[in-house]
């Protein structure tokens, strides 16, 4: 395994601060997601095996686009759809691109809608999200400063 880079550390710091106000789904929530979506990718329908770690708990709206970690914004996805194709794009557009059959596409969209209706959605204000981002930026800047000092020690 390769060494963790300073950039990765800064991302970890930012994510951990966000976890305080917007925690990721619990193990019980992840189990509910797998069960509700019948162990299939919500986008392409591929069957997934939990024990083989094939499924991803994907953000419908990515965190980089102010999407929350709430269970209403999380669905089961295969690695290909999550990591290589959808990325941070709008999930509705991605669903259209993955399903040329309108009936299948509408069934999958309805499944997502049913999932969201089952769970109470707590809206995080833009102010809270902005403040968390700013805190992350402050900590990352402090970390950058300390990295520069550590690198300067290499000269001695």
Protein backbone atom coordinates (compact mmCIF):
# COMPACT_ATOMS: atom_id res chain seq x y z
CA UNK A 1 0.00 0.00 0.00
CA UNK A 2 1.36 3.42 -0.90
CA UNK A 3 2.01 6.16 1.63
CA UNK A 4 -0.76 8.61 2.40
CA UNK A 5 -0.11 11.94 0.71
CA UNK A 6 -0.66 15.37 2.27
CA UNK A 7 -3.52 15.94 -0.18
CA UNK A 8 -5.24 12.75 0.98
CA UNK A 9 -4.80 13.77 4.60
CA UNK A 10 -6.46 17.13 3.91
CA UNK A 11 -9.43 15.33 2.32
CA UNK A 12 -9.66 13.04 5.34
CA UNK A 13 -9.66 16.07 7.65
CA UNK A 14 -12.44 17.76 5.67
CA UNK A 15 -14.56 14.58 5.59
CA UNK A 16 -14.10 13.96 9.30
CA UNK A 17 -15.29 17.48 10.15
CA UNK A 18 -18.36 16.97 7.98
CA UNK A 19 -19.08 13.64 9.69
CA UNK A 20 -19.67 15.56 12.93
CA UNK A 21 -22.78 17.29 11.55
CA UNK A 22 -23.63 14.94 8.68
CA UNK A 23 -22.72 11.37 9.67
CA UNK A 24 -22.48 8.53 7.17
CA UNK A 25 -25.10 5.76 7.34
CA UNK A 26 -24.75 3.36 10.26
CA UNK A 27 -24.21 -0.39 9.76
CA UNK A 28 -27.95 -0.86 10.32
CA UNK A 29 -28.68 1.76 7.63
CA UNK A 30 -26.30 0.06 5.20
CA UNK A 31 -28.11 -3.23 5.80
CA UNK A 32 -31.45 -1.51 5.06
CA UNK A 33 -30.01 -0.11 1.82
CA UNK A 34 -28.84 -3.55 0.66
CA UNK A 35 -32.21 -5.10 1.52
CA UNK A 36 -34.36 -2.36 -0.01
CA UNK A 37 -32.48 -2.39 -3.30
CA UNK A 38 -32.50 -6.23 -3.40
CA UNK A 39 -28.69 -6.39 -3.63
CA UNK A 40 -28.80 -4.78 -7.09
CA UNK A 41 -27.25 -1.64 -8.50
CA UNK A 42 -29.94 1.03 -8.56
CA UNK A 43 -28.63 2.38 -11.87
CA UNK A 44 -27.85 -0.66 -14.04
CA UNK A 45 -29.54 -3.50 -12.14
CA UNK A 46 -26.38 -5.61 -11.76
CA UNK A 47 -26.64 -8.19 -8.97
CA UNK A 48 -24.17 -7.52 -6.16
CA UNK A 49 -22.69 -9.72 -3.44
CA UNK A 50 -22.14 -8.01 -0.11
CA UNK A 51 -19.69 -10.64 1.13
CA UNK A 52 -17.51 -9.97 -1.94
CA UNK A 53 -17.68 -6.22 -1.22
CA UNK A 54 -19.09 -5.54 -4.69
CA UNK A 55 -21.61 -2.87 -3.68
CA UNK A 56 -21.01 0.78 -2.95
CA UNK A 57 -23.24 3.02 -0.86
CA UNK A 58 -23.40 5.86 -3.38
CA UNK A 59 -24.50 9.47 -2.92
CA UNK A 60 -27.35 10.33 -5.30
CA UNK A 61 -26.18 13.93 -5.09
CA UNK A 62 -22.43 13.85 -4.47
CA UNK A 63 -20.95 15.49 -1.41
CA UNK A 64 -18.91 17.72 -3.75
CA UNK A 65 -22.25 19.11 -4.99
CA UNK A 66 -23.57 19.69 -1.42
CA UNK A 67 -25.19 16.27 -1.20
CA UNK A 68 -25.63 14.96 2.32
CA UNK A 69 -24.66 11.65 3.89
CA UNK A 70 -28.26 11.11 4.97
CA UNK A 71 -29.87 7.79 4.16
CA UNK A 72 -32.29 9.53 1.77
CA UNK A 73 -29.32 10.52 -0.39
CA UNK A 74 -27.67 7.09 -0.35
CA UNK A 75 -28.35 4.14 -2.65
CA UNK A 76 -26.73 0.83 -3.62
CA UNK A 77 -24.49 0.99 -6.66
CA UNK A 78 -21.99 -1.21 -8.45
CA UNK A 79 -18.36 -0.10 -8.63
CA UNK A 80 -18.54 0.68 -12.34
CA UNK A 81 -21.54 2.99 -12.02
CA UNK A 82 -20.24 4.70 -8.88
CA UNK A 83 -16.51 5.04 -9.53
CA UNK A 84 -16.19 5.18 -13.30
CA UNK A 85 -19.39 6.46 -14.85
CA UNK A 86 -21.70 8.54 -12.65
CA UNK A 87 -19.03 10.28 -10.60
CA UNK A 88 -20.44 13.65 -9.39
CA UNK A 89 -22.98 14.01 -12.19
CA UNK A 90 -26.75 14.33 -11.69
CA UNK A 91 -28.21 10.91 -10.88
CA UNK A 92 -31.37 11.45 -12.96
CA UNK A 93 -29.33 12.09 -16.12
CA UNK A 94 -27.10 9.13 -15.34
CA UNK A 95 -30.14 6.88 -14.89
CA UNK A 96 -31.34 7.90 -18.37
CA UNK A 97 -27.93 7.17 -19.89
CA UNK A 98 -27.82 3.70 -18.28
CA UNK A 99 -31.34 2.66 -19.26
CA UNK A 100 -32.59 3.09 -22.81
CA UNK A 101 -35.74 1.14 -21.90
CA UNK A 102 -38.10 3.78 -20.53
CA UNK A 103 -40.09 1.26 -18.48
CA UNK A 104 -36.97 -0.05 -16.72
CA UNK A 105 -35.70 3.49 -16.18
CA UNK A 106 -39.01 4.58 -14.61
CA UNK A 107 -39.07 1.48 -12.36
CA UNK A 108 -35.59 2.30 -11.08
CA UNK A 109 -36.44 5.96 -10.59
CA UNK A 110 -39.58 4.94 -8.68
CA UNK A 111 -37.52 2.62 -6.48
CA UNK A 112 -35.29 5.56 -5.54
CA UNK A 113 -38.32 7.75 -4.88
CA UNK A 114 -39.90 5.05 -2.69
CA UNK A 115 -36.63 4.80 -0.73
CA UNK A 116 -36.56 8.53 -0.11
CA UNK A 117 -40.20 8.56 1.02
CA UNK A 118 -39.49 5.87 3.63
CA UNK A 119 -37.01 8.04 5.51
CA UNK A 120 -37.24 11.44 7.09
CA UNK A 121 -35.00 13.93 5.36
CA UNK A 122 -33.20 16.49 7.49
CA UNK A 123 -32.09 19.47 5.44
CA UNK A 124 -28.73 20.90 6.35
CA UNK A 125 -28.69 24.63 5.82
CA UNK A 126 -26.33 26.18 3.31
CA UNK A 127 -24.89 28.16 6.22
CA UNK A 128 -23.94 24.98 8.12
CA UNK A 129 -22.45 23.35 5.03
CA UNK A 130 -20.48 26.52 4.23
CA UNK A 131 -19.20 26.80 7.79
CA UNK A 132 -18.06 23.17 7.81
CA UNK A 133 -16.27 23.78 4.48
CA UNK A 134 -14.58 26.86 5.91
CA UNK A 135 -13.47 24.94 9.02
CA UNK A 136 -12.01 22.27 6.77
CA UNK A 137 -10.21 24.89 4.72
CA UNK A 138 -8.76 26.48 7.89
CA UNK A 139 -7.48 23.14 9.19
CA UNK A 140 -6.09 22.25 5.75
CA UNK A 141 -4.25 25.60 5.57
CA UNK A 142 -2.78 24.99 9.03
CA UNK A 143 -1.75 21.50 7.92
CA UNK A 144 -0.11 22.95 4.76
CA UNK A 145 1.87 25.34 6.92
CA UNK A 146 3.15 22.47 9.09
CA UNK A 147 3.99 20.38 6.01
CA UNK A 148 6.13 23.24 4.71
CA UNK A 149 7.96 23.43 8.04
CA UNK A 150 8.53 19.65 8.00
CA UNK A 151 9.86 19.78 4.44
CA UNK A 152 12.24 22.57 5.45
CA UNK A 153 13.72 20.19 8.05
CA UNK A 154 14.90 17.92 5.23
CA UNK A 155 17.59 20.52 4.47
CA UNK A 156 19.31 19.95 7.81
